[in-house]
Protein backbone atom coordinates (compact mmCIF):
# COMPACT_ATOMS: atom_id res chain seq x y z
CA MET A 1 155.31 278.61 61.30
CA THR A 2 158.37 276.03 61.35
CA TYR A 3 160.64 274.69 64.14
CA THR A 4 164.62 274.67 64.37
CA ASP A 5 166.16 271.01 66.20
CA ALA A 6 166.76 273.32 69.07
CA GLU A 7 163.14 274.17 69.35
CA ASP A 8 161.12 271.12 67.95
CA ARG A 9 160.48 270.03 71.69
CA SER A 10 158.98 272.78 72.72
CA PRO A 11 155.08 273.06 73.85
CA GLN A 12 154.41 275.23 71.17
CA LEU A 13 155.15 272.51 69.04
CA ARG A 14 153.15 270.00 70.77
CA GLY A 15 150.07 272.58 70.94
CA ALA A 16 150.85 273.12 67.14
CA LEU A 17 150.22 269.68 66.02
CA GLU A 18 147.28 268.70 68.45
CA SER A 19 145.09 271.65 67.42
CA VAL A 20 145.76 270.52 63.65
CA ILE A 21 145.41 266.62 64.71
CA GLY A 22 142.35 267.46 66.77
CA GLY A 23 141.13 269.32 63.37
CA TYR A 24 141.47 266.22 61.81
CA MET A 25 139.51 264.14 64.20
CA ALA A 26 136.70 266.48 64.41
CA ALA A 27 136.77 266.84 60.32
CA VAL A 28 136.18 262.83 60.47
CA ALA A 29 133.64 263.30 63.31
CA GLU A 30 131.49 265.44 61.43
CA VAL A 31 131.30 262.89 58.33
CA LEU A 32 130.43 260.54 60.80
CA LEU A 33 127.71 262.27 62.74
CA THR A 34 126.30 262.99 59.60
CA GLU A 35 125.55 259.34 58.72
CA GLU A 36 124.45 259.08 62.05
CA VAL A 37 127.00 257.03 63.94
CA PRO A 38 127.23 257.97 67.13
CA VAL A 39 130.22 259.91 67.77
CA ALA A 40 131.48 259.98 71.79
CA SER A 41 134.61 261.71 71.88
CA THR A 42 137.75 262.87 70.24
CA SER A 43 141.07 263.08 71.04
CA ALA A 44 144.43 264.33 69.88
CA TYR A 45 148.13 264.13 71.33
CA GLY A 46 151.01 266.15 69.42
CA ASP A 47 154.02 264.94 71.75
CA VAL A 48 156.09 264.16 68.81
CA HIS A 49 159.32 262.94 70.77
CA ASP A 50 157.61 260.96 73.66
CA PRO A 51 159.63 258.02 74.38
CA SER A 52 156.64 256.07 75.67
CA GLN A 53 155.17 255.54 72.09
CA ASP A 54 158.00 253.81 70.63
CA ASP A 55 156.47 250.52 72.32
CA PHE A 56 153.65 251.23 70.00
CA ALA A 57 156.73 252.25 67.14
CA GLY A 58 154.70 255.54 66.97
CA ASP A 59 154.50 258.99 67.92
CA VAL A 60 151.59 261.64 67.75
CA GLU A 61 147.93 260.22 67.19
CA GLY A 62 144.20 261.04 67.46
CA SER A 63 141.17 259.46 67.72
CA VAL A 64 137.52 259.30 67.10
CA GLU A 65 135.37 257.07 69.60
CA PHE A 66 132.10 255.43 70.13
CA THR A 67 129.42 255.00 72.12
CA ARG A 68 129.06 251.83 74.34
CA ALA A 69 125.88 251.12 72.74
CA PHE A 70 127.31 251.35 69.02
CA SER A 71 130.07 248.51 69.98
CA ARG A 72 127.09 246.39 71.45
CA ARG A 73 125.15 246.59 67.99
CA LEU A 74 128.33 246.04 66.04
CA LEU A 75 129.57 243.30 67.80
CA GLY A 76 127.64 241.97 70.32
CA ASP A 77 129.82 243.34 73.39
CA GLY A 78 130.36 246.66 75.15
CA GLY A 79 134.14 247.01 74.62
CA GLU A 80 135.80 250.00 73.70
CA THR A 81 135.97 250.64 69.95
CA GLY A 82 136.79 253.40 67.49
CA LEU A 83 139.25 254.83 64.94
CA LEU A 84 142.78 255.58 65.99
CA TRP A 85 144.90 257.70 63.76
CA CYS A 86 148.47 257.13 64.08
CA GLY A 87 150.90 259.66 62.69
CA VAL A 88 153.07 256.79 61.82
CA SER A 89 150.99 254.26 59.84
CA GLY A 90 147.49 256.16 59.31
CA TRP A 91 143.94 254.95 60.36
CA CYS A 92 142.66 252.07 62.01
CA PHE A 93 139.41 250.32 63.78
CA PHE A 94 139.88 249.19 66.90
CA HIS A 95 137.79 246.80 69.37
CA ILE A 96 139.05 246.18 72.82
CA PRO A 97 136.52 243.91 74.48
CA GLU A 98 135.69 244.40 78.18
CA GLY A 99 137.80 241.86 80.03
CA SER A 100 139.88 240.54 77.18
CA GLY A 101 143.37 241.83 77.98
CA ARG A 102 144.02 242.66 74.60
CA SER A 103 146.03 245.89 73.50
CA LEU A 104 144.56 248.17 70.78
CA VAL A 105 147.33 246.81 68.38
CA ASP A 106 145.97 243.16 68.82
CA SER A 107 142.70 244.31 68.00
CA ALA A 108 143.71 247.01 65.00
CA ARG A 109 142.49 246.78 61.59
CA TRP A 110 144.18 248.96 59.39
CA MET A 111 142.67 250.80 57.11
CA GLY A 112 145.75 251.58 54.60
CA SER A 113 145.14 254.69 52.21
CA GLY A 114 148.30 256.57 52.91
CA LEU A 115 148.68 258.92 56.18
CA THR A 116 146.25 261.30 55.96
CA PRO A 117 143.51 260.48 53.46
CA GLU A 118 140.27 262.47 53.47
CA PRO A 119 137.62 262.34 55.99
CA VAL A 120 135.10 260.58 53.63
CA ARG A 121 137.21 258.44 53.28
CA VAL A 122 137.62 257.28 56.77
CA ALA A 123 133.98 257.03 56.81
CA ALA A 124 133.83 254.56 53.88
CA PHE A 125 136.42 252.43 55.78
CA LEU A 126 134.30 252.81 58.70
CA SER A 127 131.34 251.49 56.55
CA GLU A 128 133.29 248.88 55.62
CA VAL A 129 134.24 248.36 59.21
CA ARG A 130 130.09 248.04 59.99
CA LEU A 131 129.83 245.31 57.31
CA ASP A 132 132.60 243.26 58.46
CA PRO A 133 134.27 244.43 61.45
CA ARG A 134 136.59 241.52 61.90
CA GLU A 135 137.75 241.56 58.33
CA ALA A 136 137.66 244.96 57.04
CA GLY A 137 141.24 246.28 56.03
CA SER A 138 144.39 244.70 56.91
CA GLY A 139 146.24 242.85 59.94
CA GLU A 140 149.47 244.50 58.56
CA ARG A 141 150.15 247.44 59.76
CA PRO A 142 151.44 250.03 57.13
CA PHE A 143 154.15 252.37 57.56
CA TYR A 144 154.22 256.16 55.75
CA ARG A 145 156.66 257.97 58.32
CA ALA A 146 159.56 257.21 60.61
CA PRO A 147 158.22 257.78 64.38
CA HIS A 148 159.60 261.19 65.87
CA SER A 149 160.71 262.52 62.59
CA ASP A 150 159.44 265.72 60.62
CA PRO A 151 157.20 267.61 62.86
CA ASP A 152 157.01 270.70 60.05
CA VAL A 153 155.80 267.87 57.26
CA LEU A 154 153.06 266.99 59.11
CA LEU A 155 152.06 270.37 60.07
CA ARG A 156 152.03 271.02 57.14
CA ARG A 157 150.24 268.30 55.86
CA LEU A 158 147.25 268.85 58.17
CA GLU A 159 147.11 272.72 58.56
CA ALA A 160 144.19 272.43 56.34
CA PHE A 161 142.10 271.01 59.31
CA ASP A 162 142.90 273.56 61.86
CA THR A 163 139.73 275.62 63.15
CA GLU A 164 139.97 278.82 65.20
CA SER A 165 137.31 277.73 67.54
CA GLY A 166 139.37 275.00 68.92
CA PRO A 167 138.48 271.21 67.53
CA ASP A 168 136.79 270.41 71.02
CA ASP A 169 134.26 273.28 70.65
CA VAL A 170 133.80 271.94 66.63
CA VAL A 171 133.18 268.50 68.16
CA THR A 172 130.44 269.60 71.30
CA ARG A 173 128.80 271.71 68.27
CA LEU A 174 128.83 268.87 65.76
CA ARG A 175 127.70 266.44 68.23
CA ASP A 176 124.61 268.72 69.61
CA THR A 177 123.59 269.03 65.68
CA ALA A 178 123.41 265.66 65.31
CA CYS A 179 121.79 264.59 68.62
CA ARG A 180 118.58 267.34 67.42
CA ARG A 181 118.30 266.28 63.84
CA ARG A 182 117.64 262.58 65.75
CA ILE A 183 115.22 263.91 68.38
CA VAL A 184 113.37 265.56 66.04
CA GLU A 185 112.99 263.21 63.61
CA ALA A 186 112.12 260.50 66.24
CA LEU A 187 109.67 262.70 68.25
CA THR A 188 108.17 263.80 64.30
CA ALA A 189 107.64 260.34 62.92
CA GLU A 190 104.79 259.21 61.48
CA ASP A 191 102.55 256.30 62.43
CA GLN A 192 104.08 256.12 65.82
CA GLU A 193 102.72 253.42 68.10
CA ILE A 194 102.06 253.80 71.90
CA ALA A 195 105.25 252.25 73.46
CA ASP A 196 104.05 249.48 76.05
CA VAL A 197 106.89 250.15 78.43
CA SER A 198 107.24 249.19 82.48
CA LEU A 199 109.49 251.40 84.19
CA HIS A 200 110.24 251.44 88.18
CA THR A 201 109.49 254.63 89.80
CA GLY A 202 113.07 255.35 90.57
CA GLU A 203 113.76 254.39 86.84
CA LEU A 204 111.19 257.38 85.69
CA GLU A 205 112.70 259.80 87.95
CA ALA A 206 116.31 258.82 87.15
CA LEU A 207 115.29 259.53 83.26
CA THR A 208 113.76 262.95 84.13
CA ASP A 209 116.89 263.67 86.30
CA LEU A 210 118.96 263.02 83.15
CA LEU A 211 116.77 265.14 81.25
CA GLU A 212 117.24 267.70 83.63
CA TYR A 213 120.87 267.47 83.59
CA VAL A 214 120.93 267.67 79.78
CA GLU A 215 118.71 271.05 79.75
CA GLY A 216 121.03 272.66 82.56
CA THR A 217 124.74 271.10 80.92
CA THR A 218 123.90 271.72 76.97
CA PRO A 219 125.16 274.82 74.96
CA ASP A 220 122.06 273.99 72.13
CA ASP A 221 119.07 275.99 72.77
CA ILE A 222 116.66 273.69 70.81
CA LEU A 223 118.32 270.76 72.77
CA ARG A 224 117.39 272.80 76.08
CA GLU A 225 114.18 273.15 75.43
CA LEU A 226 113.35 269.75 74.23
CA ALA A 227 114.47 267.96 77.30
CA ARG A 228 112.44 270.62 79.41
CA ARG A 229 109.49 269.79 77.50
CA LEU A 230 110.30 265.96 77.47
CA THR A 231 110.85 265.79 81.46
CA ARG A 232 107.69 267.73 81.89
CA ASP A 233 105.48 265.15 79.25
CA LEU A 234 106.97 262.27 81.23
CA SER A 235 106.04 263.79 84.74
CA LEU A 236 102.65 264.82 83.82
CA ARG A 237 101.71 260.80 81.95
CA ALA A 238 103.33 259.71 84.85
CA ARG A 239 100.99 261.69 86.96
CA ASP A 240 97.47 261.03 84.61
CA GLY A 241 97.97 257.51 83.51
CA VAL A 242 98.38 256.10 80.10
CA GLU A 243 95.06 257.56 78.84
CA SER A 244 96.97 261.00 78.82
CA VAL A 245 99.57 259.83 76.60
CA ASP A 246 98.06 261.87 73.55
CA GLU A 247 97.43 264.81 75.76
CA HIS A 248 100.97 265.46 77.51
CA ARG A 249 103.06 265.88 74.21
CA GLU A 250 104.48 269.68 74.15
CA ALA A 251 107.78 267.76 73.04
CA PHE A 252 106.21 266.71 69.67
CA SER A 253 104.95 270.12 69.02
CA TYR A 254 108.07 271.99 69.46
CA ALA A 255 110.04 269.54 67.58
CA GLU A 256 107.25 270.18 64.40
CA GLU A 257 108.30 273.66 64.94
CA GLN A 258 111.66 272.85 64.28
CA ARG A 259 111.17 270.74 61.01
């Protein structure tokens, strides 16, 4: 598909760009999830002529964002962290501490390596960030493309990442698969000890309610069954006491079947 100057502000162009950008974000998320990075969400923005982006000297963009727990482990606080892909400058890692008032640009560490590096290279950049988040990459922003220009060229560069089912569905499936793998591995790990954890009754109820929510919302059949069985295990142990910890292990038995 190509766009003339008269057409290049159309909703069709924005939709096409958001589709391919979303596919690119999903491809990066897939590599990261395989490497056990807790991806929380992805986003894509495709209005190539949005004047509000001029403050950032950009136009289209996408992002891969992580959980707050990941941010705390990486940087010691629960601020907002993620990878931003800028359609002008390529990839950067950003960290905005809670209550800091800093902008994304203030905190950006730029990857370099061109406008659309392969997803495995982006994952390697994040590995470098995890080793030294404040020094990895560069504070100097590169520019590979003029803002608001050549949308056809950008579409062609990214069309290989387009997905038939839509990037949101792809990312949801990838997150479910990664989560299922981690849960099965945790439940079936060898040499497990019995943890001495004290919970208020309200905390236990909140945890089982959260598991029931997962059971009711996840499209993944195995995750749904794991959540159901783990809820039952916790409820029965709370009723029968610590002596029943090895008796009520339905989730473990089901996880063993999935290995």
